[in-house]
């Protein structure tokens, strides 16, 4: 239940009380009103003095709690904006619809609906649509208040939520799934009734090459990295001492970039991706690419595994869980 206080004054037969407080308590569409006790006592004094009849005082208080909209405070505050918002919505909806109709069917041959991809002629998905405008003042009032009575923010959110509605998607949308998750994952999203075809994907395309393939790796540059790594080797509890320089070289070469997508990690830390069969670290990945690497069958990750950063740099670093201690590992190996 939400509440809001309102200050107002009471005037009865030439007498005035300026410190009254009305409290509105709302729960959904139900609204309750309270008035402070000093105000009640003052009204009772006016009734006792004959300044006002009890029935008139009652009507006076009921009038003070009557909403202009006949509903609630949110509706009162939104009333003056409702018609303007409807006009803006219809203008946005027309532009949104026209923009979809202008899309070239050759480049945007699909409709995405609830995670499934259909052809434009499929009988199952509805047409692409913008989220409907709230048809009643109360719903609009709640949404308007949620966006701090900012119409621009209100419509931004409305359009954003429309992205969950049926919408046109292009060849690039499906290719993106194929690149990152594999052809099988894209095929699984295709409607079983209209059976939309997958777009062509050139195996030699640059989009299927991990970012690390494009990084500088000539012998002169790598020699400089080795010198830097030797001067300031990375020493951590999860890297064997004899692998510290190689791991530092790997870090310097990555320079905070993911070996697959080339972007920096959102949390500032790259994950050490490794071959689970051999235990050797392949490279450093962001969390997203590290998760996909374990499940994706796409050619992008196949290429990464065929020639990872460790192979490009010609280094070997054994992957050790961060909870392990190098000394303990060395003793175990010696035994």
C-alpha atoms as a PDB file:
ATOM      1  CA  UNK A   1       0.000   0.000   0.000  1.00  0.00           C
ATOM      2  CA  UNK A   2       1.298   3.439  -0.958  1.00  0.00           C
ATOM      3  CA  UNK A   3       0.504   6.711   0.805  1.00  0.00           C
ATOM      4  CA  UNK A   4       0.788  10.428   0.139  1.00  0.00           C
ATOM      5  CA  UNK A   5       0.109  13.432   2.372  1.00  0.00           C
ATOM      6  CA  UNK A   6      -1.657  16.625   1.229  1.00  0.00           C
ATOM      7  CA  UNK A   7      -1.688  19.898   3.135  1.00  0.00           C
ATOM      8  CA  UNK A   8      -4.861  21.977   2.874  1.00  0.00           C
ATOM      9  CA  UNK A   9      -6.814  24.566   4.856  1.00  0.00           C
ATOM     10  CA  UNK A  10     -10.369  24.406   6.176  1.00  0.00           C
ATOM     11  CA  UNK A  11     -12.699  27.446   6.164  1.00  0.00           C
ATOM     12  CA  UNK A  12     -15.982  27.315   8.140  1.00  0.00           C
ATOM     13  CA  UNK A  13     -18.190  30.347   8.737  1.00  0.00           C
ATOM     14  CA  UNK A  14     -15.284  32.825   8.841  1.00  0.00           C
ATOM     15  CA  UNK A  15     -13.004  30.500  10.782  1.00  0.00           C
ATOM     16  CA  UNK A  16      -9.888  29.099   9.127  1.00  0.00           C
ATOM     17  CA  UNK A  17      -7.597  26.185  10.022  1.00  0.00           C
ATOM     18  CA  UNK A  18      -4.330  26.048   8.012  1.00  0.00           C
ATOM     19  CA  UNK A  19      -2.579  22.968   9.338  1.00  0.00           C
ATOM     20  CA  UNK A  20      -4.777  20.169   8.060  1.00  0.00           C
ATOM     21  CA  UNK A  21      -3.244  17.061   6.495  1.00  0.00           C
ATOM     22  CA  UNK A  22      -5.087  14.568   4.314  1.00  0.00           C
ATOM     23  CA  UNK A  23      -3.430  11.205   3.728  1.00  0.00           C
ATOM     24  CA  UNK A  24      -4.241   9.107   0.669  1.00  0.00           C
ATOM     25  CA  UNK A  25      -3.536   5.364   0.934  1.00  0.00           C
ATOM     26  CA  UNK A  26      -3.820   3.364  -2.269  1.00  0.00           C
ATOM     27  CA  UNK A  27      -3.773  -0.351  -2.974  1.00  0.00           C
ATOM     28  CA  UNK A  28      -4.310  -1.001  -6.673  1.00  0.00           C
ATOM     29  CA  UNK A  29      -7.442   0.896  -7.609  1.00  0.00           C
ATOM     30  CA  UNK A  30      -8.735   1.096  -4.013  1.00  0.00           C
ATOM     31  CA  UNK A  31      -8.068   4.383  -2.241  1.00  0.00           C
ATOM     32  CA  UNK A  32      -8.455   5.173   1.472  1.00  0.00           C
ATOM     33  CA  UNK A  33      -8.363   8.609   3.096  1.00  0.00           C
ATOM     34  CA  UNK A  34      -7.315   9.755   6.541  1.00  0.00           C
ATOM     35  CA  UNK A  35      -7.337  13.162   8.191  1.00  0.00           C
ATOM     36  CA  UNK A  36      -5.184  14.204  11.121  1.00  0.00           C
ATOM     37  CA  UNK A  37      -6.769  14.231  14.604  1.00  0.00           C
ATOM     38  CA  UNK A  38      -6.191  17.983  15.338  1.00  0.00           C
ATOM     39  CA  UNK A  39      -8.214  18.808  12.212  1.00  0.00           C
ATOM     40  CA  UNK A  40     -11.026  16.468  13.332  1.00  0.00           C
ATOM     41  CA  UNK A  41     -11.098  18.119  16.772  1.00  0.00           C
ATOM     42  CA  UNK A  42     -11.206  21.589  15.174  1.00  0.00           C
ATOM     43  CA  UNK A  43     -14.158  20.575  12.965  1.00  0.00           C
ATOM     44  CA  UNK A  44     -15.971  19.112  15.977  1.00  0.00           C
ATOM     45  CA  UNK A  45     -15.463  22.421  17.791  1.00  0.00           C
ATOM     46  CA  UNK A  46     -17.044  24.279  14.861  1.00  0.00           C
ATOM     47  CA  UNK A  47     -19.991  21.853  14.902  1.00  0.00           C
ATOM     48  CA  UNK A  48     -20.396  22.298  18.677  1.00  0.00           C
ATOM     49  CA  UNK A  49     -20.291  26.073  18.228  1.00  0.00           C
ATOM     50  CA  UNK A  50     -23.049  25.886  15.616  1.00  0.00           C
ATOM     51  CA  UNK A  51     -20.846  27.193  12.790  1.00  0.00           C
ATOM     52  CA  UNK A  52     -21.597  24.188  10.580  1.00  0.00           C
ATOM     53  CA  UNK A  53     -23.990  21.253  10.485  1.00  0.00           C
ATOM     54  CA  UNK A  54     -22.483  17.760  10.901  1.00  0.00           C
ATOM     55  CA  UNK A  55     -23.918  16.634   7.535  1.00  0.00           C
ATOM     56  CA  UNK A  56     -22.447  19.659   5.795  1.00  0.00           C
ATOM     57  CA  UNK A  57     -19.059  19.003   7.461  1.00  0.00           C
ATOM     58  CA  UNK A  58     -19.186  15.427   6.224  1.00  0.00           C
ATOM     59  CA  UNK A  59     -19.901  16.576   2.653  1.00  0.00           C
ATOM     60  CA  UNK A  60     -17.082  19.108   2.965  1.00  0.00           C
ATOM     61  CA  UNK A  61     -14.587  16.361   3.802  1.00  0.00           C
ATOM     62  CA  UNK A  62     -15.874  14.036   1.071  1.00  0.00           C
ATOM     63  CA  UNK A  63     -15.499  16.822  -1.488  1.00  0.00           C
ATOM     64  CA  UNK A  64     -11.899  17.328  -0.330  1.00  0.00           C
ATOM     65  CA  UNK A  65     -11.140  13.687  -1.138  1.00  0.00           C
ATOM     66  CA  UNK A  66     -12.918  13.576  -4.500  1.00  0.00           C
ATOM     67  CA  UNK A  67     -10.569  13.035  -7.404  1.00  0.00           C
ATOM     68  CA  UNK A  68     -10.959  15.181 -10.493  1.00  0.00           C
ATOM     69  CA  UNK A  69     -10.521  12.056 -12.609  1.00  0.00           C
ATOM     70  CA  UNK A  70     -12.926  10.075 -10.468  1.00  0.00           C
ATOM     71  CA  UNK A  71     -10.219   7.473  -9.876  1.00  0.00           C
ATOM     72  CA  UNK A  72      -6.949   8.160  -8.060  1.00  0.00           C
ATOM     73  CA  UNK A  73      -4.052  10.574  -7.739  1.00  0.00           C
ATOM     74  CA  UNK A  74      -2.094   8.933 -10.558  1.00  0.00           C
ATOM     75  CA  UNK A  75      -5.052   9.502 -12.872  1.00  0.00           C
ATOM     76  CA  UNK A  76      -5.417  13.118 -11.695  1.00  0.00           C
ATOM     77  CA  UNK A  77      -1.774  13.845 -12.463  1.00  0.00           C
ATOM     78  CA  UNK A  78      -1.875  12.071 -15.827  1.00  0.00           C
ATOM     79  CA  UNK A  79      -5.188  13.505 -17.103  1.00  0.00           C
ATOM     80  CA  UNK A  80      -3.698  16.594 -18.746  1.00  0.00           C
ATOM     81  CA  UNK A  81      -1.101  14.459 -20.586  1.00  0.00           C
ATOM     82  CA  UNK A  82      -3.294  11.590 -21.760  1.00  0.00           C
ATOM     83  CA  UNK A  83      -4.631  13.035 -25.034  1.00  0.00           C
ATOM     84  CA  UNK A  84      -1.202  14.368 -26.001  1.00  0.00           C
ATOM     85  CA  UNK A  85       0.363  10.978 -25.269  1.00  0.00           C
ATOM     86  CA  UNK A  86      -2.227   9.190 -27.447  1.00  0.00           C
ATOM     87  CA  UNK A  87      -1.469  11.494 -30.386  1.00  0.00           C
ATOM     88  CA  UNK A  88       2.259  10.957 -29.980  1.00  0.00           C
ATOM     89  CA  UNK A  89       1.724   7.194 -29.803  1.00  0.00           C
ATOM     90  CA  UNK A  90      -0.317   7.093 -33.020  1.00  0.00           C
ATOM     91  CA  UNK A  91       2.401   9.098 -34.751  1.00  0.00           C
ATOM     92  CA  UNK A  92       5.116   6.730 -33.479  1.00  0.00           C
ATOM     93  CA  UNK A  93       3.025   3.668 -34.386  1.00  0.00           C
ATOM     94  CA  UNK A  94       2.507   4.914 -37.958  1.00  0.00           C
ATOM     95  CA  UNK A  95       6.210   5.604 -38.374  1.00  0.00           C
ATOM     96  CA  UNK A  96       7.107   2.234 -36.794  1.00  0.00           C
ATOM     97  CA  UNK A  97       4.717   0.347 -39.094  1.00  0.00           C
ATOM     98  CA  UNK A  98       5.859   2.213 -42.190  1.00  0.00           C
ATOM     99  CA  UNK A  99       9.510   1.573 -41.356  1.00  0.00           C
ATOM    100  CA  UNK A 100       8.787  -2.175 -41.152  1.00  0.00           C
ATOM    101  CA  UNK A 101       6.857  -2.110 -44.411  1.00  0.00           C
ATOM    102  CA  UNK A 102       9.828  -0.442 -46.112  1.00  0.00           C
ATOM    103  CA  UNK A 103      12.181  -3.266 -45.111  1.00  0.00           C
ATOM    104  CA  UNK A 104      13.432  -5.215 -48.108  1.00  0.00           C
ATOM    105  CA  UNK A 105      12.021  -8.776 -47.932  1.00  0.00           C
ATOM    106  CA  UNK A 106      15.265 -10.067 -49.438  1.00  0.00           C
ATOM    107  CA  UNK A 107      17.271  -8.678 -46.511  1.00  0.00           C
ATOM    108  CA  UNK A 108      14.567  -9.102 -43.841  1.00  0.00           C
ATOM    109  CA  UNK A 109      12.766 -12.312 -44.778  1.00  0.00           C
ATOM    110  CA  UNK A 110      11.861 -13.406 -41.251  1.00  0.00           C
ATOM    111  CA  UNK A 111       9.496 -12.638 -38.391  1.00  0.00           C
ATOM    112  CA  UNK A 112      10.677 -13.373 -34.868  1.00  0.00           C
ATOM    113  CA  UNK A 113       7.900 -14.359 -32.483  1.00  0.00           C
ATOM    114  CA  UNK A 114       8.427 -15.792 -28.985  1.00  0.00           C
ATOM    115  CA  UNK A 115      11.906 -17.010 -29.847  1.00  0.00           C
ATOM    116  CA  UNK A 116      10.853 -18.761 -33.060  1.00  0.00           C
ATOM    117  CA  UNK A 117      11.813 -17.519 -36.520  1.00  0.00           C
ATOM    118  CA  UNK A 118       9.152 -17.662 -39.248  1.00  0.00           C
ATOM    119  CA  UNK A 119       8.839 -16.713 -42.899  1.00  0.00           C
ATOM    120  CA  UNK A 120       6.796 -13.607 -43.721  1.00  0.00           C
ATOM    121  CA  UNK A 121       4.045 -15.829 -45.139  1.00  0.00           C
ATOM    122  CA  UNK A 122       3.854 -18.224 -42.192  1.00  0.00           C
ATOM    123  CA  UNK A 123       0.309 -18.672 -40.892  1.00  0.00           C
ATOM    124  CA  UNK A 124       1.378 -18.840 -37.236  1.00  0.00           C
ATOM    125  CA  UNK A 125       2.976 -15.528 -36.212  1.00  0.00           C
ATOM    126  CA  UNK A 126       0.977 -12.289 -36.158  1.00  0.00           C
ATOM    127  CA  UNK A 127       2.274  -9.253 -37.996  1.00  0.00           C
ATOM    128  CA  UNK A 128       5.034  -7.197 -36.445  1.00  0.00           C
ATOM    129  CA  UNK A 129       3.406  -4.783 -34.016  1.00  0.00           C
ATOM    130  CA  UNK A 130       4.216  -2.023 -31.563  1.00  0.00           C
ATOM    131  CA  UNK A 131       3.097  -2.577 -27.988  1.00  0.00           C
ATOM    132  CA  UNK A 132      -0.465  -1.175 -27.645  1.00  0.00           C
ATOM    133  CA  UNK A 133      -1.031   2.160 -25.956  1.00  0.00           C
ATOM    134  CA  UNK A 134      -2.805   1.801 -22.573  1.00  0.00           C
ATOM    135  CA  UNK A 135      -6.492   2.259 -23.365  1.00  0.00           C
ATOM    136  CA  UNK A 136      -7.594   3.379 -19.900  1.00  0.00           C
ATOM    137  CA  UNK A 137      -6.438   6.434 -17.969  1.00  0.00           C
ATOM    138  CA  UNK A 138      -5.565   4.464 -14.845  1.00  0.00           C
ATOM    139  CA  UNK A 139      -3.076   2.165 -16.621  1.00  0.00           C
ATOM    140  CA  UNK A 140      -1.526   5.155 -18.370  1.00  0.00           C
ATOM    141  CA  UNK A 141      -1.393   7.038 -15.049  1.00  0.00           C
ATOM    142  CA  UNK A 142       0.503   4.226 -13.306  1.00  0.00           C
ATOM    143  CA  UNK A 143       2.992   3.931 -16.187  1.00  0.00           C
ATOM    144  CA  UNK A 144       3.343   7.713 -16.451  1.00  0.00           C
ATOM    145  CA  UNK A 145       4.055   8.008 -12.729  1.00  0.00           C
ATOM    146  CA  UNK A 146       6.578   5.126 -12.929  1.00  0.00           C
ATOM    147  CA  UNK A 147       8.545   7.138 -15.518  1.00  0.00           C
ATOM    148  CA  UNK A 148       8.553  10.239 -13.290  1.00  0.00           C
ATOM    149  CA  UNK A 149       5.905  11.884 -15.493  1.00  0.00           C
ATOM    150  CA  UNK A 150       8.371  12.035 -18.387  1.00  0.00           C
ATOM    151  CA  UNK A 151       6.669  11.299 -21.711  1.00  0.00           C
ATOM    152  CA  UNK A 152       9.966  10.775 -23.518  1.00  0.00           C
ATOM    153  CA  UNK A 153      11.010   8.092 -21.021  1.00  0.00           C
ATOM    154  CA  UNK A 154       7.506   6.604 -21.182  1.00  0.00           C
ATOM    155  CA  UNK A 155       7.713   6.107 -24.961  1.00  0.00           C
ATOM    156  CA  UNK A 156      11.302   4.893 -24.886  1.00  0.00           C
ATOM    157  CA  UNK A 157      10.209   2.124 -22.525  1.00  0.00           C
ATOM    158  CA  UNK A 158       7.110   1.375 -24.618  1.00  0.00           C
ATOM    159  CA  UNK A 159       9.205   0.939 -27.767  1.00  0.00           C
ATOM    160  CA  UNK A 160      11.808  -1.090 -25.891  1.00  0.00           C
ATOM    161  CA  UNK A 161       9.138  -3.466 -24.617  1.00  0.00           C
ATOM    162  CA  UNK A 162       7.892  -3.834 -28.188  1.00  0.00           C
ATOM    163  CA  UNK A 163      11.114  -5.681 -28.955  1.00  0.00           C
ATOM    164  CA  UNK A 164       9.459  -8.664 -27.272  1.00  0.00           C
ATOM    165  CA  UNK A 165       6.519  -8.445 -29.698  1.00  0.00           C
ATOM    166  CA  UNK A 166       6.573 -10.122 -33.120  1.00  0.00           C
ATOM    167  CA  UNK A 167       9.039  -8.186 -35.284  1.00  0.00           C
ATOM    168  CA  UNK A 168      10.867  -8.382 -38.586  1.00  0.00           C
ATOM    169  CA  UNK A 169      14.447  -9.632 -38.445  1.00  0.00           C
ATOM    170  CA  UNK A 170      17.023  -9.898 -41.182  1.00  0.00           C
ATOM    171  CA  UNK A 171      19.578 -12.278 -42.531  1.00  0.00           C
ATOM    172  CA  UNK A 172      22.226 -10.746 -40.264  1.00  0.00           C
ATOM    173  CA  UNK A 173      20.170 -11.676 -37.192  1.00  0.00           C
ATOM    174  CA  UNK A 174      20.218 -15.368 -38.143  1.00  0.00           C
ATOM    175  CA  UNK A 175      23.837 -15.232 -39.270  1.00  0.00           C
ATOM    176  CA  UNK A 176      24.763 -13.853 -35.846  1.00  0.00           C
ATOM    177  CA  UNK A 177      23.216 -16.930 -34.215  1.00  0.00           C
ATOM    178  CA  UNK A 178      25.060 -19.190 -36.636  1.00  0.00           C
ATOM    179  CA  UNK A 179      28.381 -17.416 -36.015  1.00  0.00           C
ATOM    180  CA  UNK A 180      28.216 -17.511 -32.233  1.00  0.00           C
ATOM    181  CA  UNK A 181      26.124 -20.591 -31.464  1.00  0.00           C
ATOM    182  CA  UNK A 182      26.388 -22.733 -34.540  1.00  0.00           C
ATOM    183  CA  UNK A 183      24.145 -23.803 -37.402  1.00  0.00           C
ATOM    184  CA  UNK A 184      22.280 -26.348 -35.262  1.00  0.00           C
ATOM    185  CA  UNK A 185      21.308 -23.662 -32.741  1.00  0.00           C
ATOM    186  CA  UNK A 186      19.966 -21.429 -35.533  1.00  0.00           C
ATOM    187  CA  UNK A 187      18.077 -24.351 -37.089  1.00  0.00           C
ATOM    188  CA  UNK A 188      16.434 -25.105 -33.745  1.00  0.00           C
ATOM    189  CA  UNK A 189      14.924 -21.608 -33.728  1.00  0.00           C
ATOM    190  CA  UNK A 190      13.307 -22.031 -37.135  1.00  0.00           C
ATOM    191  CA  UNK A 191       9.547 -22.613 -37.308  1.00  0.00           C
ATOM    192  CA  UNK A 192       8.775 -26.266 -38.007  1.00  0.00           C
ATOM    193  CA  UNK A 193       5.724 -25.405 -40.115  1.00  0.00           C
ATOM    194  CA  UNK A 194       6.997 -22.822 -42.596  1.00  0.00           C
ATOM    195  CA  UNK A 195      10.608 -24.097 -42.434  1.00  0.00           C
ATOM    196  CA  UNK A 196      12.482 -20.860 -43.227  1.00  0.00           C
ATOM    197  CA  UNK A 197      15.843 -21.518 -44.900  1.00  0.00           C
ATOM    198  CA  UNK A 198      19.104 -20.556 -43.234  1.00  0.00           C
ATOM    199  CA  UNK A 199      21.141 -17.845 -44.957  1.00  0.00           C
ATOM    200  CA  UNK A 200      24.464 -18.659 -46.552  1.00  0.00           C
ATOM    201  CA  UNK A 201      27.526 -18.342 -44.343  1.00  0.00           C
ATOM    202  CA  UNK A 202      30.921 -18.090 -46.028  1.00  0.00           C
ATOM    203  CA  UNK A 203      33.325 -20.338 -44.058  1.00  0.00           C
ATOM    204  CA  UNK A 204      36.189 -18.001 -44.942  1.00  0.00           C
ATOM    205  CA  UNK A 205      34.329 -14.918 -43.721  1.00  0.00           C
ATOM    206  CA  UNK A 206      36.189 -12.610 -41.342  1.00  0.00           C
ATOM    207  CA  UNK A 207      33.248 -12.883 -38.935  1.00  0.00           C
ATOM    208  CA  UNK A 208      34.215 -16.516 -38.333  1.00  0.00           C
ATOM    209  CA  UNK A 209      37.765 -15.629 -37.369  1.00  0.00           C
ATOM    210  CA  UNK A 210      38.523 -15.021 -33.677  1.00  0.00           C
ATOM    211  CA  UNK A 211      39.802 -11.555 -32.838  1.00  0.00           C
ATOM    212  CA  UNK A 212      43.207 -12.878 -31.770  1.00  0.00           C
ATOM    213  CA  UNK A 213      43.962 -13.854 -35.372  1.00  0.00           C
ATOM    214  CA  UNK A 214      44.128 -10.190 -36.317  1.00  0.00           C
ATOM    215  CA  UNK A 215      46.433  -9.078 -33.492  1.00  0.00           C
ATOM    216  CA  UNK A 216      50.088  -8.240 -34.107  1.00  0.00           C
ATOM    217  CA  UNK A 217      52.192 -11.376 -33.746  1.00  0.00           C
ATOM    218  CA  UNK A 218      55.334 -10.970 -35.845  1.00  0.00           C
ATOM    219  CA  UNK A 219      58.596 -12.204 -34.344  1.00  0.00           C
ATOM    220  CA  UNK A 220      59.937  -8.694 -33.616  1.00  0.00           C
ATOM    221  CA  UNK A 221      56.853  -7.781 -31.613  1.00  0.00           C
ATOM    222  CA  UNK A 222      56.783 -11.108 -29.766  1.00  0.00           C
ATOM    223  CA  UNK A 223      60.449 -10.701 -28.857  1.00  0.00           C
ATOM    224  CA  UNK A 224      59.629  -7.380 -27.193  1.00  0.00           C
ATOM    225  CA  UNK A 225      56.801  -9.069 -25.262  1.00  0.00           C
ATOM    226  CA  UNK A 226      59.173 -11.782 -24.028  1.00  0.00           C
ATOM    227  CA  UNK A 227      61.586  -9.150 -22.720  1.00  0.00           C
ATOM    228  CA  UNK A 228      58.779  -7.313 -20.888  1.00  0.00           C
ATOM    229  CA  UNK A 229      57.430 -10.569 -19.470  1.00  0.00           C
ATOM    230  CA  UNK A 230      60.896 -11.580 -18.222  1.00  0.00           C
ATOM    231  CA  UNK A 231      61.365  -8.233 -16.478  1.00  0.00           C
ATOM    232  CA  UNK A 232      57.985  -8.309 -14.746  1.00  0.00           C
ATOM    233  CA  UNK A 233      56.687 -11.899 -14.701  1.00  0.00           C
ATOM    234  CA  UNK A 234      53.198 -12.412 -13.406  1.00  0.00           C
ATOM    235  CA  UNK A 235      53.339 -14.346 -10.140  1.00  0.00           C
ATOM    236  CA  UNK A 236      50.053 -15.888  -9.016  1.00  0.00           C
ATOM    237  CA  UNK A 237      49.135 -18.845  -6.867  1.00  0.00           C
ATOM    238  CA  UNK A 238      47.424 -20.506  -9.837  1.00  0.00           C
ATOM    239  CA  UNK A 239      50.388 -20.456 -12.254  1.00  0.00           C
ATOM    240  CA  UNK A 240      53.464 -22.624 -11.812  1.00  0.00           C
ATOM    241  CA  UNK A 241      56.660 -20.579 -11.328  1.00  0.00           C
ATOM    242  CA  UNK A 242      58.233 -21.987 -14.492  1.00  0.00           C
ATOM    243  CA  UNK A 243      55.164 -20.788 -16.471  1.00  0.00           C
ATOM    244  CA  UNK A 244      55.008 -17.289 -14.967  1.00  0.00           C
ATOM    245  CA  UNK A 245      56.871 -15.541 -17.789  1.00  0.00           C
ATOM    246  CA  UNK A 246      54.840 -17.284 -20.483  1.00  0.00           C
ATOM    247  CA  UNK A 247      51.586 -16.390 -18.735  1.00  0.00           C
ATOM    248  CA  UNK A 248      52.689 -12.768 -18.372  1.00  0.00           C
ATOM    249  CA  UNK A 249      53.498 -12.705 -22.084  1.00  0.00           C
ATOM    250  CA  UNK A 250      49.999 -14.006 -22.785  1.00  0.00           C
ATOM    251  CA  UNK A 251      48.496 -11.259 -20.612  1.00  0.00           C
ATOM    252  CA  UNK A 252      50.546  -8.530 -22.268  1.00  0.00           C
ATOM    253  CA  UNK A 253      49.568  -9.719 -25.724  1.00  0.00           C
ATOM    254  CA  UNK A 254      45.862  -9.918 -24.861  1.00  0.00           C
ATOM    255  CA  UNK A 255      46.034  -6.414 -23.360  1.00  0.00           C
ATOM    256  CA  UNK A 256      42.647  -6.851 -21.682  1.00  0.00           C
ATOM    257  CA  UNK A 257      40.972  -8.106 -24.872  1.00  0.00           C
ATOM    258  CA  UNK A 258      38.973 -11.308 -25.272  1.00  0.00           C
ATOM    259  CA  UNK A 259      40.628 -13.731 -27.683  1.00  0.00           C
ATOM    260  CA  UNK A 260      37.340 -14.388 -29.526  1.00  0.00           C
ATOM    261  CA  UNK A 261      35.287 -11.164 -29.592  1.00  0.00           C
ATOM    262  CA  UNK A 262      38.169  -8.756 -28.944  1.00  0.00           C
ATOM    263  CA  UNK A 263      36.202  -6.816 -26.333  1.00  0.00           C
ATOM    264  CA  UNK A 264      37.181  -6.104 -22.751  1.00  0.00           C
ATOM    265  CA  UNK A 265      35.320  -8.018 -20.017  1.00  0.00           C
ATOM    266  CA  UNK A 266      32.432  -6.277 -18.241  1.00  0.00           C
ATOM    267  CA  UNK A 267      33.880  -7.110 -14.814  1.00  0.00           C
ATOM    268  CA  UNK A 268      37.453  -6.217 -15.764  1.00  0.00           C
ATOM    269  CA  UNK A 269      38.775  -9.799 -15.565  1.00  0.00           C
ATOM    270  CA  UNK A 270      39.421 -12.244 -18.398  1.00  0.00           C
ATOM    271  CA  UNK A 271      38.875 -15.959 -17.879  1.00  0.00           C
ATOM    272  CA  UNK A 272      41.679 -18.446 -18.565  1.00  0.00           C
ATOM    273  CA  UNK A 273      40.269 -20.761 -21.197  1.00  0.00           C
ATOM    274  CA  UNK A 274      41.943 -24.163 -21.306  1.00  0.00           C
ATOM    275  CA  UNK A 275      41.819 -27.502 -23.074  1.00  0.00           C
ATOM    276  CA  UNK A 276      40.064 -29.875 -20.679  1.00  0.00           C
ATOM    277  CA  UNK A 277      41.887 -32.885 -22.121  1.00  0.00           C
ATOM    278  CA  UNK A 278      45.444 -31.577 -21.857  1.00  0.00           C
ATOM    279  CA  UNK A 279      45.087 -28.924 -19.163  1.00  0.00           C
ATOM    280  CA  UNK A 280      46.998 -26.327 -21.189  1.00  0.00           C
ATOM    281  CA  UNK A 281      45.692 -22.747 -21.263  1.00  0.00           C
ATOM    282  CA  UNK A 282      44.549 -21.753 -24.752  1.00  0.00           C
ATOM    283  CA  UNK A 283      43.925 -18.036 -24.195  1.00  0.00           C
ATOM    284  CA  UNK A 284      42.002 -15.411 -22.232  1.00  0.00           C
ATOM    285  CA  UNK A 285      38.271 -14.947 -22.852  1.00  0.00           C
ATOM    286  CA  UNK A 286      35.479 -12.751 -21.555  1.00  0.00           C
ATOM    287  CA  UNK A 287      32.770 -14.499 -19.515  1.00  0.00           C
ATOM    288  CA  UNK A 288      30.305 -14.586 -22.436  1.00  0.00           C
ATOM    289  CA  UNK A 289      32.721 -16.128 -24.909  1.00  0.00           C
ATOM    290  CA  UNK A 290      34.018 -18.544 -22.282  1.00  0.00           C
ATOM    291  CA  UNK A 291      30.469 -19.829 -21.680  1.00  0.00           C
ATOM    292  CA  UNK A 292      29.786 -20.102 -25.405  1.00  0.00           C
ATOM    293  CA  UNK A 293      33.102 -21.830 -26.020  1.00  0.00           C
ATOM    294  CA  UNK A 294      31.925 -24.749 -23.925  1.00  0.00           C
ATOM    295  CA  UNK A 295      28.638 -25.192 -25.810  1.00  0.00           C
ATOM    296  CA  UNK A 296      28.881 -23.615 -29.261  1.00  0.00           C
ATOM    297  CA  UNK A 297      29.518 -25.787 -32.301  1.00  0.00           C
ATOM    298  CA  UNK A 298      30.060 -22.778 -34.561  1.00  0.00           C
ATOM    299  CA  UNK A 299      33.004 -22.450 -36.900  1.00  0.00           C
ATOM    300  CA  UNK A 300      34.110 -19.343 -34.994  1.00  0.00           C
ATOM    301  CA  UNK A 301      34.952 -21.355 -31.881  1.00  0.00           C
ATOM    302  CA  UNK A 302      36.246 -24.256 -33.941  1.00  0.00           C
ATOM    303  CA  UNK A 303      38.733 -21.841 -35.528  1.00  0.00           C
ATOM    304  CA  UNK A 304      39.674 -20.481 -32.114  1.00  0.00           C
ATOM    305  CA  UNK A 305      40.374 -23.976 -30.825  1.00  0.00           C
ATOM    306  CA  UNK A 306      42.398 -24.862 -33.918  1.00  0.00           C
ATOM    307  CA  UNK A 307      44.719 -21.878 -33.498  1.00  0.00           C
ATOM    308  CA  UNK A 308      44.365 -20.317 -30.032  1.00  0.00           C
ATOM    309  CA  UNK A 309      46.578 -17.531 -28.619  1.00  0.00           C
ATOM    310  CA  UNK A 310      48.914 -20.014 -26.916  1.00  0.00           C
ATOM    311  CA  UNK A 311      49.714 -21.546 -30.307  1.00  0.00           C
ATOM    312  CA  UNK A 312      50.148 -18.149 -31.956  1.00  0.00           C
ATOM    313  CA  UNK A 313      52.597 -17.157 -29.200  1.00  0.00           C
ATOM    314  CA  UNK A 314      54.158 -20.634 -29.054  1.00  0.00           C
ATOM    315  CA  UNK A 315      53.853 -20.851 -25.259  1.00  0.00           C
ATOM    316  CA  UNK A 316      52.604 -23.446 -22.792  1.00  0.00           C
ATOM    317  CA  UNK A 317      50.962 -22.619 -19.475  1.00  0.00           C
ATOM    318  CA  UNK A 318      49.337 -25.272 -17.326  1.00  0.00           C
ATOM    319  CA  UNK A 319      45.863 -24.335 -16.080  1.00  0.00           C
ATOM    320  CA  UNK A 320      45.526 -24.587 -12.302  1.00  0.00           C
ATOM    321  CA  UNK A 321      42.417 -23.737 -10.270  1.00  0.00           C
ATOM    322  CA  UNK A 322      42.798 -20.475  -8.347  1.00  0.00           C
ATOM    323  CA  UNK A 323      42.352 -22.368  -5.048  1.00  0.00           C
ATOM    324  CA  UNK A 324      45.524 -24.370  -5.634  1.00  0.00           C
ATOM    325  CA  UNK A 325      48.904 -23.233  -4.342  1.00  0.00           C
ATOM    326  CA  UNK A 326      51.966 -23.547  -6.533  1.00  0.00           C
ATOM    327  CA  UNK A 327      54.149 -24.927  -3.718  1.00  0.00           C
ATOM    328  CA  UNK A 328      51.600 -27.603  -2.910  1.00  0.00           C
ATOM    329  CA  UNK A 329      51.364 -28.550  -6.580  1.00  0.00           C
ATOM    330  CA  UNK A 330      55.159 -28.779  -6.933  1.00  0.00           C
ATOM    331  CA  UNK A 331      55.418 -31.033  -3.857  1.00  0.00           C
ATOM    332  CA  UNK A 332      52.706 -33.280  -5.257  1.00  0.00           C
ATOM    333  CA  UNK A 333      54.455 -33.474  -8.628  1.00  0.00           C
ATOM    334  CA  UNK A 334      57.814 -34.261  -6.966  1.00  0.00           C
ATOM    335  CA  UNK A 335      56.287 -37.092  -4.945  1.00  0.00           C
END
